[in-house]
Structures are given as C-alpha cells and as structure tokens.
PDB file of N, CA and C in Angstrom:
ATOM      1  N   MET A   1       7.371 -10.015  -7.453  1.00  0.00           N
ATOM      2  CA  MET A   1       7.447 -10.658  -8.769  1.00  0.00           C
ATOM      3  C   MET A   1       8.763 -10.200  -9.379  1.00  0.00           C
ATOM      4  N   PRO A   2       9.545 -11.158  -9.895  1.00  0.00           N
ATOM      5  CA  PRO A   2      10.800 -10.776 -10.543  1.00  0.00           C
ATOM      6  C   PRO A   2      10.576  -9.941 -11.732  1.00  0.00           C
ATOM      7  N   PRO A   3      11.592  -9.020 -12.145  1.00  0.00           N
ATOM      8  CA  PRO A   3      11.353  -8.147 -13.270  1.00  0.00           C
ATOM      9  C   PRO A   3      11.018  -8.861 -14.517  1.00  0.00           C
ATOM     10  N   PHE A   4      11.524 -10.009 -14.834  1.00  0.00           N
ATOM     11  CA  PHE A   4      11.140 -10.702 -16.090  1.00  0.00           C
ATOM     12  C   PHE A   4       9.689 -11.104 -16.065  1.00  0.00           C
ATOM     13  N   ASN A   5       9.181 -11.554 -14.970  1.00  0.00           N
ATOM     14  CA  ASN A   5       7.774 -11.948 -14.924  1.00  0.00           C
ATOM     15  C   ASN A   5       6.893 -10.668 -15.038  1.00  0.00           C
ATOM     16  N   THR A   6       7.314  -9.615 -14.408  1.00  0.00           N
ATOM     17  CA  THR A   6       6.519  -8.327 -14.562  1.00  0.00           C
ATOM     18  C   THR A   6       6.518  -7.863 -16.051  1.00  0.00           C
ATOM     19  N   ALA A   7       7.649  -7.930 -16.707  1.00  0.00           N
ATOM     20  CA  ALA A   7       7.680  -7.606 -18.149  1.00  0.00           C
ATOM     21  C   ALA A   7       6.788  -8.519 -18.924  1.00  0.00           C
ATOM     22  N   LYS A   8       6.840  -9.714 -18.619  1.00  0.00           N
ATOM     23  CA  LYS A   8       5.955 -10.746 -19.375  1.00  0.00           C
ATOM     24  C   LYS A   8       4.478 -10.462 -19.189  1.00  0.00           C
ATOM     25  N   VAL A   9       4.107 -10.153 -18.001  1.00  0.00           N
ATOM     26  CA  VAL A   9       2.666  -9.770 -17.697  1.00  0.00           C
ATOM     27  C   VAL A   9       2.266  -8.508 -18.458  1.00  0.00           C
ATOM     28  N   ILE A  10       3.150  -7.503 -18.424  1.00  0.00           N
ATOM     29  CA  ILE A  10       2.860  -6.233 -19.145  1.00  0.00           C
ATOM     30  C   ILE A  10       2.765  -6.515 -20.661  1.00  0.00           C
ATOM     31  N   MET A  11       3.723  -7.268 -21.169  1.00  0.00           N
ATOM     32  CA  MET A  11       3.688  -7.628 -22.638  1.00  0.00           C
ATOM     33  C   MET A  11       2.397  -8.315 -23.016  1.00  0.00           C
ATOM     34  N   GLU A  12       1.953  -9.241 -22.160  1.00  0.00           N
ATOM     35  CA  GLU A  12       0.706 -10.029 -22.490  1.00  0.00           C
ATOM     36  C   GLU A  12      -0.457  -9.072 -22.445  1.00  0.00           C
ATOM     37  N   GLN A  13      -0.494  -8.149 -21.486  1.00  0.00           N
ATOM     38  CA  GLN A  13      -1.648  -7.226 -21.405  1.00  0.00           C
ATOM     39  C   GLN A  13      -1.643  -6.233 -22.653  1.00  0.00           C
ATOM     40  N   LEU A  14      -0.490  -5.795 -23.039  1.00  0.00           N
ATOM     41  CA  LEU A  14      -0.368  -4.858 -24.150  1.00  0.00           C
ATOM     42  C   LEU A  14      -0.817  -5.588 -25.433  1.00  0.00           C
ATOM     43  N   ILE A  15      -0.479  -6.855 -25.614  1.00  0.00           N
ATOM     44  CA  ILE A  15      -0.917  -7.619 -26.814  1.00  0.00           C
ATOM     45  C   ILE A  15      -2.419  -7.930 -26.738  1.00  0.00           C
ATOM     46  N   LYS A  16      -2.887  -8.264 -25.661  1.00  0.00           N
ATOM     47  CA  LYS A  16      -4.298  -8.699 -25.505  1.00  0.00           C
ATOM     48  C   LYS A  16      -5.292  -7.447 -25.486  1.00  0.00           C
ATOM     49  N   GLU A  17      -4.912  -6.420 -24.714  1.00  0.00           N
ATOM     50  CA  GLU A  17      -5.830  -5.301 -24.486  1.00  0.00           C
ATOM     51  C   GLU A  17      -5.351  -3.970 -25.082  1.00  0.00           C
ATOM     52  N   GLY A  18      -4.144  -3.852 -25.508  1.00  0.00           N
ATOM     53  CA  GLY A  18      -3.634  -2.648 -26.081  1.00  0.00           C
ATOM     54  C   GLY A  18      -3.240  -1.589 -25.061  1.00  0.00           C
ATOM     55  N   LYS A  19      -3.349  -1.963 -23.753  1.00  0.00           N
ATOM     56  CA  LYS A  19      -2.973  -1.059 -22.705  1.00  0.00           C
ATOM     57  C   LYS A  19      -2.608  -1.881 -21.473  1.00  0.00           C
ATOM     58  N   VAL A  20      -1.980  -1.267 -20.455  1.00  0.00           N
ATOM     59  CA  VAL A  20      -1.653  -1.998 -19.287  1.00  0.00           C
ATOM     60  C   VAL A  20      -2.533  -1.427 -18.064  1.00  0.00           C
ATOM     61  N   ASN A  21      -3.148  -2.343 -17.411  1.00  0.00           N
ATOM     62  CA  ASN A  21      -3.960  -1.971 -16.233  1.00  0.00           C
ATOM     63  C   ASN A  21      -3.230  -2.514 -14.956  1.00  0.00           C
ATOM     64  N   ARG A  22      -2.875  -1.593 -14.123  1.00  0.00           N
ATOM     65  CA  ARG A  22      -2.214  -2.055 -12.847  1.00  0.00           C
ATOM     66  C   ARG A  22      -2.914  -1.423 -11.690  1.00  0.00           C
ATOM     67  N   PRO A  23      -2.987  -2.190 -10.558  1.00  0.00           N
ATOM     68  CA  PRO A  23      -3.631  -1.674  -9.451  1.00  0.00           C
ATOM     69  C   PRO A  23      -2.875  -0.485  -8.848  1.00  0.00           C
ATOM     70  N   TYR A  24      -3.628   0.429  -8.224  1.00  0.00           N
ATOM     71  CA  TYR A  24      -3.048   1.721  -7.825  1.00  0.00           C
ATOM     72  C   TYR A  24      -3.713   2.157  -6.529  1.00  0.00           C
ATOM     73  N   LEU A  25      -2.927   2.371  -5.484  1.00  0.00           N
ATOM     74  CA  LEU A  25      -3.515   2.821  -4.196  1.00  0.00           C
ATOM     75  C   LEU A  25      -3.425   4.348  -4.148  1.00  0.00           C
ATOM     76  N   GLY A  26      -2.291   4.914  -4.510  1.00  0.00           N
ATOM     77  CA  GLY A  26      -2.156   6.349  -4.468  1.00  0.00           C
ATOM     78  C   GLY A  26      -1.593   6.992  -3.245  1.00  0.00           C
ATOM     79  N   VAL A  27      -0.550   6.260  -2.751  1.00  0.00           N
ATOM     80  CA  VAL A  27       0.164   6.791  -1.535  1.00  0.00           C
ATOM     81  C   VAL A  27       1.694   6.789  -1.745  1.00  0.00           C
ATOM     82  N   SER A  28       2.310   7.686  -1.047  1.00  0.00           N
ATOM     83  CA  SER A  28       3.815   7.616  -0.913  1.00  0.00           C
ATOM     84  C   SER A  28       4.012   7.429   0.585  1.00  0.00           C
ATOM     85  N   GLY A  29       5.084   6.670   0.820  1.00  0.00           N
ATOM     86  CA  GLY A  29       5.361   6.430   2.269  1.00  0.00           C
ATOM     87  C   GLY A  29       6.724   5.861   2.513  1.00  0.00           C
ATOM     88  N   ILE A  30       6.997   5.481   3.709  1.00  0.00           N
ATOM     89  CA  ILE A  30       8.268   4.910   4.136  1.00  0.00           C
ATOM     90  C   ILE A  30       8.095   3.743   5.039  1.00  0.00           C
ATOM     91  N   THR A  31       8.988   2.876   5.079  1.00  0.00           N
ATOM     92  CA  THR A  31       8.981   1.684   5.923  1.00  0.00           C
ATOM     93  C   THR A  31       9.368   2.117   7.358  1.00  0.00           C
ATOM     94  N   LEU A  32       8.494   1.780   8.266  1.00  0.00           N
ATOM     95  CA  LEU A  32       8.828   2.076   9.683  1.00  0.00           C
ATOM     96  C   LEU A  32      10.089   1.278  10.257  1.00  0.00           C
ATOM     97  N   ASN A  33      10.813   1.794  11.215  1.00  0.00           N
ATOM     98  CA  ASN A  33      11.804   1.041  11.824  1.00  0.00           C
ATOM     99  C   ASN A  33      11.832   1.558  13.284  1.00  0.00           C
ATOM    100  N   ASP A  34      12.751   0.980  14.062  1.00  0.00           N
ATOM    101  CA  ASP A  34      12.776   1.277  15.546  1.00  0.00           C
ATOM    102  C   ASP A  34      13.084   2.722  15.757  1.00  0.00           C
ATOM    103  N   GLU A  35      13.982   3.371  14.997  1.00  0.00           N
ATOM    104  CA  GLU A  35      14.290   4.751  15.202  1.00  0.00           C
ATOM    105  C   GLU A  35      13.139   5.712  14.940  1.00  0.00           C
ATOM    106  N   LEU A  36      12.363   5.488  13.858  1.00  0.00           N
ATOM    107  CA  LEU A  36      11.260   6.330  13.596  1.00  0.00           C
ATOM    108  C   LEU A  36      10.183   6.154  14.573  1.00  0.00           C
ATOM    109  N   ALA A  37       9.943   4.951  15.010  1.00  0.00           N
ATOM    110  CA  ALA A  37       8.873   4.646  15.951  1.00  0.00           C
ATOM    111  C   ALA A  37       9.266   5.322  17.343  1.00  0.00           C
ATOM    112  N   PHE A  38      10.497   5.317  17.695  1.00  0.00           N
ATOM    113  CA  PHE A  38      10.930   5.997  18.901  1.00  0.00           C
ATOM    114  C   PHE A  38      10.800   7.507  18.846  1.00  0.00           C
ATOM    115  N   GLN A  39      11.332   7.977  17.691  1.00  0.00           N
ATOM    116  CA  GLN A  39      11.446   9.522  17.427  1.00  0.00           C
ATOM    117  C   GLN A  39      10.018  10.084  17.438  1.00  0.00           C
ATOM    118  N   TYR A  40       9.008   9.446  16.898  1.00  0.00           N
ATOM    119  CA  TYR A  40       7.638   9.933  16.701  1.00  0.00           C
ATOM    120  C   TYR A  40       6.722   9.402  17.727  1.00  0.00           C
ATOM    121  N   ASN A  41       7.159   8.596  18.616  1.00  0.00           N
ATOM    122  CA  ASN A  41       6.319   7.956  19.689  1.00  0.00           C
ATOM    123  C   ASN A  41       5.198   7.186  19.047  1.00  0.00           C
ATOM    124  N   LEU A  42       5.538   6.307  18.088  1.00  0.00           N
ATOM    125  CA  LEU A  42       4.503   5.526  17.367  1.00  0.00           C
ATOM    126  C   LEU A  42       4.176   4.244  18.120  1.00  0.00           C
ATOM    127  N   ALA A  43       2.956   3.725  17.915  1.00  0.00           N
ATOM    128  CA  ALA A  43       2.521   2.545  18.504  1.00  0.00           C
ATOM    129  C   ALA A  43       3.173   1.275  18.035  1.00  0.00           C
ATOM    130  N   THR A  44       3.840   1.388  16.918  1.00  0.00           N
ATOM    131  CA  THR A  44       4.436   0.169  16.278  1.00  0.00           C
ATOM    132  C   THR A  44       5.739   0.581  15.590  1.00  0.00           C
ATOM    133  N   ASP A  45       6.573  -0.399  15.365  1.00  0.00           N
ATOM    134  CA  ASP A  45       7.834  -0.147  14.577  1.00  0.00           C
ATOM    135  C   ASP A  45       7.823  -0.928  13.289  1.00  0.00           C
ATOM    136  N   LYS A  46       6.663  -1.481  12.943  1.00  0.00           N
ATOM    137  CA  LYS A  46       6.417  -2.270  11.734  1.00  0.00           C
ATOM    138  C   LYS A  46       5.283  -1.645  10.910  1.00  0.00           C
ATOM    139  N   GLY A  47       5.427  -1.637   9.633  1.00  0.00           N
ATOM    140  CA  GLY A  47       4.285  -1.108   8.816  1.00  0.00           C
ATOM    141  C   GLY A  47       4.805  -0.068   7.789  1.00  0.00           C
ATOM    142  N   ALA A  48       3.831   0.377   7.042  1.00  0.00           N
ATOM    143  CA  ALA A  48       4.108   1.400   6.039  1.00  0.00           C
ATOM    144  C   ALA A  48       3.488   2.733   6.486  1.00  0.00           C
ATOM    145  N   LEU A  49       4.376   3.754   6.756  1.00  0.00           N
ATOM    146  CA  LEU A  49       3.897   5.057   7.201  1.00  0.00           C
ATOM    147  C   LEU A  49       3.583   5.883   5.951  1.00  0.00           C
ATOM    148  N   ILE A  50       2.343   6.290   5.906  1.00  0.00           N
ATOM    149  CA  ILE A  50       1.810   7.096   4.760  1.00  0.00           C
ATOM    150  C   ILE A  50       2.350   8.543   4.930  1.00  0.00           C
ATOM    151  N   ILE A  51       3.088   9.050   3.994  1.00  0.00           N
ATOM    152  CA  ILE A  51       3.533  10.404   3.937  1.00  0.00           C
ATOM    153  C   ILE A  51       2.632  11.274   3.212  1.00  0.00           C
ATOM    154  N   LYS A  52       2.186  10.780   2.027  1.00  0.00           N
ATOM    155  CA  LYS A  52       1.380  11.645   1.120  1.00  0.00           C
ATOM    156  C   LYS A  52       0.296  10.730   0.521  1.00  0.00           C
ATOM    157  N   VAL A  53      -0.875  11.323   0.369  1.00  0.00           N
ATOM    158  CA  VAL A  53      -2.008  10.653  -0.292  1.00  0.00           C
ATOM    159  C   VAL A  53      -2.359  11.434  -1.617  1.00  0.00           C
ATOM    160  N   ALA A  54      -2.347  10.850  -2.721  1.00  0.00           N
ATOM    161  CA  ALA A  54      -2.576  11.521  -3.950  1.00  0.00           C
ATOM    162  C   ALA A  54      -4.057  11.957  -4.090  1.00  0.00           C
ATOM    163  N   PRO A  55      -4.273  13.111  -4.578  1.00  0.00           N
ATOM    164  CA  PRO A  55      -5.632  13.610  -4.783  1.00  0.00           C
ATOM    165  C   PRO A  55      -6.423  12.736  -5.729  1.00  0.00           C
ATOM    166  N   ASN A  56      -7.703  12.459  -5.474  1.00  0.00           N
ATOM    167  CA  ASN A  56      -8.621  11.715  -6.334  1.00  0.00           C
ATOM    168  C   ASN A  56      -8.132  10.225  -6.525  1.00  0.00           C
ATOM    169  N   SER A  57      -7.257   9.739  -5.599  1.00  0.00           N
ATOM    170  CA  SER A  57      -6.845   8.394  -5.711  1.00  0.00           C
ATOM    171  C   SER A  57      -7.765   7.453  -4.846  1.00  0.00           C
ATOM    172  N   PRO A  58      -7.611   6.163  -5.062  1.00  0.00           N
ATOM    173  CA  PRO A  58      -8.401   5.197  -4.234  1.00  0.00           C
ATOM    174  C   PRO A  58      -8.141   5.447  -2.792  1.00  0.00           C
ATOM    175  N   ALA A  59      -6.903   5.682  -2.403  1.00  0.00           N
ATOM    176  CA  ALA A  59      -6.526   5.940  -1.005  1.00  0.00           C
ATOM    177  C   ALA A  59      -7.228   7.109  -0.453  1.00  0.00           C
ATOM    178  N   LYS A  60      -7.264   8.203  -1.161  1.00  0.00           N
ATOM    179  CA  LYS A  60      -7.976   9.406  -0.768  1.00  0.00           C
ATOM    180  C   LYS A  60      -9.494   9.131  -0.618  1.00  0.00           C
ATOM    181  N   LYS A  61     -10.029   8.457  -1.578  1.00  0.00           N
ATOM    182  CA  LYS A  61     -11.491   8.195  -1.529  1.00  0.00           C
ATOM    183  C   LYS A  61     -11.866   7.273  -0.429  1.00  0.00           C
ATOM    184  N   SER A  62     -10.935   6.399   0.035  1.00  0.00           N
ATOM    185  CA  SER A  62     -11.244   5.519   1.129  1.00  0.00           C
ATOM    186  C   SER A  62     -10.965   6.095   2.515  1.00  0.00           C
ATOM    187  N   GLY A  63     -10.444   7.327   2.544  1.00  0.00           N
ATOM    188  CA  GLY A  63     -10.164   8.025   3.808  1.00  0.00           C
ATOM    189  C   GLY A  63      -8.829   7.878   4.410  1.00  0.00           C
ATOM    190  N   LEU A  64      -7.819   7.278   3.643  1.00  0.00           N
ATOM    191  CA  LEU A  64      -6.491   7.215   4.182  1.00  0.00           C
ATOM    192  C   LEU A  64      -5.965   8.670   4.279  1.00  0.00           C
ATOM    193  N   LYS A  65      -5.068   8.825   5.331  1.00  0.00           N
ATOM    194  CA  LYS A  65      -4.505  10.217   5.500  1.00  0.00           C
ATOM    195  C   LYS A  65      -2.962  10.067   5.742  1.00  0.00           C
ATOM    196  N   ALA A  66      -2.274  11.145   5.486  1.00  0.00           N
ATOM    197  CA  ALA A  66      -0.828  11.210   5.838  1.00  0.00           C
ATOM    198  C   ALA A  66      -0.818  10.987   7.347  1.00  0.00           C
ATOM    199  N   GLY A  67       0.214  10.159   7.798  1.00  0.00           N
ATOM    200  CA  GLY A  67       0.370   9.791   9.160  1.00  0.00           C
ATOM    201  C   GLY A  67      -0.218   8.488   9.520  1.00  0.00           C
ATOM    202  N   ASP A  68      -1.078   7.952   8.649  1.00  0.00           N
ATOM    203  CA  ASP A  68      -1.664   6.587   8.904  1.00  0.00           C
ATOM    204  C   ASP A  68      -0.508   5.590   8.757  1.00  0.00           C
ATOM    205  N   ILE A  69      -0.618   4.471   9.496  1.00  0.00           N
ATOM    206  CA  ILE A  69       0.353   3.351   9.293  1.00  0.00           C
ATOM    207  C   ILE A  69      -0.364   2.177   8.914  1.00  0.00           C
ATOM    208  N   VAL A  70      -0.080   1.679   7.708  1.00  0.00           N
ATOM    209  CA  VAL A  70      -0.786   0.430   7.226  1.00  0.00           C
ATOM    210  C   VAL A  70      -0.007  -0.766   7.787  1.00  0.00           C
ATOM    211  N   ILE A  71      -0.789  -1.634   8.567  1.00  0.00           N
ATOM    212  CA  ILE A  71      -0.173  -2.811   9.202  1.00  0.00           C
ATOM    213  C   ILE A  71      -0.658  -4.038   8.608  1.00  0.00           C
ATOM    214  N   LYS A  72      -1.786  -4.069   7.895  1.00  0.00           N
ATOM    215  CA  LYS A  72      -2.292  -5.304   7.253  1.00  0.00           C
ATOM    216  C   LYS A  72      -3.137  -4.921   5.976  1.00  0.00           C
ATOM    217  N   ILE A  73      -3.041  -5.802   5.069  1.00  0.00           N
ATOM    218  CA  ILE A  73      -3.955  -5.790   3.926  1.00  0.00           C
ATOM    219  C   ILE A  73      -4.665  -7.085   3.851  1.00  0.00           C
ATOM    220  N   GLY A  74      -5.861  -7.075   4.027  1.00  0.00           N
ATOM    221  CA  GLY A  74      -6.614  -8.360   4.174  1.00  0.00           C
ATOM    222  C   GLY A  74      -6.055  -9.070   5.497  1.00  0.00           C
ATOM    223  N   GLU A  75      -5.574 -10.166   5.335  1.00  0.00           N
ATOM    224  CA  GLU A  75      -4.991 -10.906   6.464  1.00  0.00           C
ATOM    225  C   GLU A  75      -3.459 -10.911   6.419  1.00  0.00           C
ATOM    226  N   LYS A  76      -2.915 -10.185   5.432  1.00  0.00           N
ATOM    227  CA  LYS A  76      -1.400 -10.237   5.253  1.00  0.00           C
ATOM    228  C   LYS A  76      -0.758  -9.063   5.956  1.00  0.00           C
ATOM    229  N   PRO A  77       0.139  -9.372   6.894  1.00  0.00           N
ATOM    230  CA  PRO A  77       0.891  -8.250   7.600  1.00  0.00           C
ATOM    231  C   PRO A  77       1.698  -7.426   6.682  1.00  0.00           C
ATOM    232  N   VAL A  78       1.775  -6.136   6.942  1.00  0.00           N
ATOM    233  CA  VAL A  78       2.551  -5.204   6.146  1.00  0.00           C
ATOM    234  C   VAL A  78       3.753  -4.809   6.987  1.00  0.00           C
ATOM    235  N   GLY A  79       4.926  -5.271   6.628  1.00  0.00           N
ATOM    236  CA  GLY A  79       6.100  -4.890   7.402  1.00  0.00           C
ATOM    237  C   GLY A  79       6.758  -3.567   6.913  1.00  0.00           C
ATOM    238  N   GLY A  80       6.344  -3.047   5.728  1.00  0.00           N
ATOM    239  CA  GLY A  80       6.953  -1.829   5.192  1.00  0.00           C
ATOM    240  C   GLY A  80       6.317  -1.542   3.822  1.00  0.00           C
ATOM    241  N   MET A  81       6.921  -0.522   3.162  1.00  0.00           N
ATOM    242  CA  MET A  81       6.358  -0.078   1.866  1.00  0.00           C
ATOM    243  C   MET A  81       6.482  -1.108   0.779  1.00  0.00           C
ATOM    244  N   GLU A  82       7.614  -1.906   0.858  1.00  0.00           N
ATOM    245  CA  GLU A  82       7.753  -2.990  -0.170  1.00  0.00           C
ATOM    246  C   GLU A  82       6.628  -4.053  -0.029  1.00  0.00           C
ATOM    247  N   ASP A  83       6.336  -4.391   1.188  1.00  0.00           N
ATOM    248  CA  ASP A  83       5.252  -5.346   1.404  1.00  0.00           C
ATOM    249  C   ASP A  83       3.928  -4.755   0.894  1.00  0.00           C
ATOM    250  N   LEU A  84       3.665  -3.483   1.146  1.00  0.00           N
ATOM    251  CA  LEU A  84       2.428  -2.862   0.658  1.00  0.00           C
ATOM    252  C   LEU A  84       2.343  -2.880  -0.809  1.00  0.00           C
ATOM    253  N   GLN A  85       3.409  -2.533  -1.486  1.00  0.00           N
ATOM    254  CA  GLN A  85       3.413  -2.475  -2.873  1.00  0.00           C
ATOM    255  C   GLN A  85       3.287  -3.897  -3.517  1.00  0.00           C
ATOM    256  N   ASN A  86       3.952  -4.869  -2.950  1.00  0.00           N
ATOM    257  CA  ASN A  86       3.844  -6.195  -3.442  1.00  0.00           C
ATOM    258  C   ASN A  86       2.439  -6.803  -3.302  1.00  0.00           C
ATOM    259  N   ILE A  87       1.796  -6.582  -2.141  1.00  0.00           N
ATOM    260  CA  ILE A  87       0.472  -7.100  -1.906  1.00  0.00           C
ATOM    261  C   ILE A  87      -0.531  -6.463  -2.869  1.00  0.00           C
ATOM    262  N   ILE A  88      -0.464  -5.096  -3.026  1.00  0.00           N
ATOM    263  CA  ILE A  88      -1.328  -4.411  -3.898  1.00  0.00           C
ATOM    264  C   ILE A  88      -1.182  -4.918  -5.373  1.00  0.00           C
ATOM    265  N   ARG A  89       0.090  -5.130  -5.777  1.00  0.00           N
ATOM    266  CA  ARG A  89       0.420  -5.628  -7.085  1.00  0.00           C
ATOM    267  C   ARG A  89      -0.337  -6.877  -7.437  1.00  0.00           C
ATOM    268  N   HIS A  90      -0.648  -7.701  -6.423  1.00  0.00           N
ATOM    269  CA  HIS A  90      -1.236  -9.044  -6.670  1.00  0.00           C
ATOM    270  C   HIS A  90      -2.803  -8.925  -6.823  1.00  0.00           C
ATOM    271  N   HIS A  91      -3.271  -7.622  -6.788  1.00  0.00           N
ATOM    272  CA  HIS A  91      -4.722  -7.431  -6.944  1.00  0.00           C
ATOM    273  C   HIS A  91      -5.010  -6.873  -8.346  1.00  0.00           C
ATOM    274  N   GLN A  92      -6.230  -6.776  -8.683  1.00  0.00           N
ATOM    275  CA  GLN A  92      -6.638  -6.240  -9.990  1.00  0.00           C
ATOM    276  C   GLN A  92      -7.197  -4.812  -9.796  1.00  0.00           C
ATOM    277  N   PRO A  93      -7.013  -3.875 -10.770  1.00  0.00           N
ATOM    278  CA  PRO A  93      -7.613  -2.544 -10.685  1.00  0.00           C
ATOM    279  C   PRO A  93      -9.114  -2.795 -10.331  1.00  0.00           C
ATOM    280  N   GLY A  94      -9.592  -1.976  -9.393  1.00  0.00           N
ATOM    281  CA  GLY A  94     -10.957  -1.979  -9.026  1.00  0.00           C
ATOM    282  C   GLY A  94     -11.376  -2.928  -7.902  1.00  0.00           C
ATOM    283  N   ASP A  95     -10.375  -3.857  -7.538  1.00  0.00           N
ATOM    284  CA  ASP A  95     -10.619  -4.733  -6.436  1.00  0.00           C
ATOM    285  C   ASP A  95     -10.832  -3.898  -5.179  1.00  0.00           C
ATOM    286  N   ASN A  96     -11.802  -4.349  -4.282  1.00  0.00           N
ATOM    287  CA  ASN A  96     -11.903  -3.760  -2.945  1.00  0.00           C
ATOM    288  C   ASN A  96     -11.021  -4.603  -1.974  1.00  0.00           C
ATOM    289  N   ILE A  97     -10.162  -3.895  -1.261  1.00  0.00           N
ATOM    290  CA  ILE A  97      -9.312  -4.519  -0.272  1.00  0.00           C
ATOM    291  C   ILE A  97      -9.473  -3.948   1.043  1.00  0.00           C
ATOM    292  N   LYS A  98      -9.292  -4.697   2.137  1.00  0.00           N
ATOM    293  CA  LYS A  98      -9.373  -4.215   3.544  1.00  0.00           C
ATOM    294  C   LYS A  98      -8.012  -3.847   4.034  1.00  0.00           C
ATOM    295  N   LEU A  99      -7.822  -2.624   4.484  1.00  0.00           N
ATOM    296  CA  LEU A  99      -6.589  -2.175   5.062  1.00  0.00           C
ATOM    297  C   LEU A  99      -6.797  -2.015   6.577  1.00  0.00           C
ATOM    298  N   THR A 100      -5.847  -2.523   7.350  1.00  0.00           N
ATOM    299  CA  THR A 100      -5.869  -2.287   8.812  1.00  0.00           C
ATOM    300  C   THR A 100      -4.776  -1.273   9.015  1.00  0.00           C
ATOM    301  N   ILE A 101      -5.152  -0.123   9.625  1.00  0.00           N
ATOM    302  CA  ILE A 101      -4.231   0.971   9.850  1.00  0.00           C
ATOM    303  C   ILE A 101      -4.193   1.312  11.338  1.00  0.00           C
ATOM    304  N   LEU A 102      -3.115   2.008  11.687  1.00  0.00           N
ATOM    305  CA  LEU A 102      -3.042   2.650  12.999  1.00  0.00           C
ATOM    306  C   LEU A 102      -3.100   4.145  12.667  1.00  0.00           C
ATOM    307  N   ARG A 103      -4.015   4.768  13.367  1.00  0.00           N
ATOM    308  CA  ARG A 103      -4.163   6.270  13.232  1.00  0.00           C
ATOM    309  C   ARG A 103      -4.272   6.868  14.643  1.00  0.00           C
ATOM    310  N   LYS A 104      -3.259   7.546  15.052  1.00  0.00           N
ATOM    311  CA  LYS A 104      -3.191   8.170  16.369  1.00  0.00           C
ATOM    312  C   LYS A 104      -3.472   7.131  17.447  1.00  0.00           C
ATOM    313  N   GLN A 105      -2.716   6.058  17.439  1.00  0.00           N
ATOM    314  CA  GLN A 105      -2.806   5.055  18.451  1.00  0.00           C
ATOM    315  C   GLN A 105      -4.105   4.075  18.402  1.00  0.00           C
ATOM    316  N   SER A 106      -4.991   4.402  17.407  1.00  0.00           N
ATOM    317  CA  SER A 106      -6.249   3.580  17.226  1.00  0.00           C
ATOM    318  C   SER A 106      -6.133   2.664  15.989  1.00  0.00           C
ATOM    319  N   LYS A 107      -6.535   1.449  16.191  1.00  0.00           N
ATOM    320  CA  LYS A 107      -6.545   0.488  15.048  1.00  0.00           C
ATOM    321  C   LYS A 107      -7.928   0.756  14.274  1.00  0.00           C
ATOM    322  N   ILE A 108      -7.816   0.943  12.979  1.00  0.00           N
ATOM    323  CA  ILE A 108      -8.990   1.174  12.116  1.00  0.00           C
ATOM    324  C   ILE A 108      -8.931   0.325  10.896  1.00  0.00           C
ATOM    325  N   GLU A 109     -10.081  -0.232  10.464  1.00  0.00           N
ATOM    326  CA  GLU A 109     -10.135  -1.043   9.166  1.00  0.00           C
ATOM    327  C   GLU A 109     -10.799  -0.075   8.149  1.00  0.00           C
ATOM    328  N   ILE A 110     -10.198  -0.050   7.012  1.00  0.00           N
ATOM    329  CA  ILE A 110     -10.682   0.809   5.872  1.00  0.00           C
ATOM    330  C   ILE A 110     -10.905  -0.103   4.730  1.00  0.00           C
TER     331      ILE A 110
END
C-alpha cells in the first residue's frame, strides 16, 4: 500500500475509533537469497527466514520458531520479508491465517 493510502487508513481509524488497530505477527526476519540458502544448506532460496519471535506474540502462540522459513500465507507465496509484511497488512487484527513454513527440511502448516 502506498504511504499516502496507509496514512489515510490510519487517519480514518483514528477519527472513527480513537485508536489504530493493525495486524501483528510478531517476528523479525530476513529475505532469503541464493547465498543464504547455500551457506546454511536450506531447502529453498525463497521465503522469509524468521530470526526472532516476540514473546507473547501471535507468532509465538502459534508455534513459530527462529529458523522457520515462511513460504506461503494462505495460498499466496512469500518471496521474502516484504511479501510477508504486505500480506499480513491486508488482514485484520484477530484474523486466523494459515502459514506454510519449512522447518528443518519439513513442510508444516500453522
């Protein structure tokens, strides 16, 4: 979403509700690339590699762990952290979403 549209949505929420509600997964990570995949012998070179999971976050409560690689949200492929953030941003706080991850060479749905 372009910055102007983001500002408009925030302004409308502030006027209507007096606060801003944004979806939150609670992870820090990096976008995978060929070099990282080779260096760490990963099963893929596409996705968002989770580096840190925030305590008491939706990610922690769902079982995500550092080292997991998010490759899909719902049916949408995740090519990196920017994709992950953009897809999450299009949901509402409290929505249940399905993540497909790679954990130690195994594909898991959370």
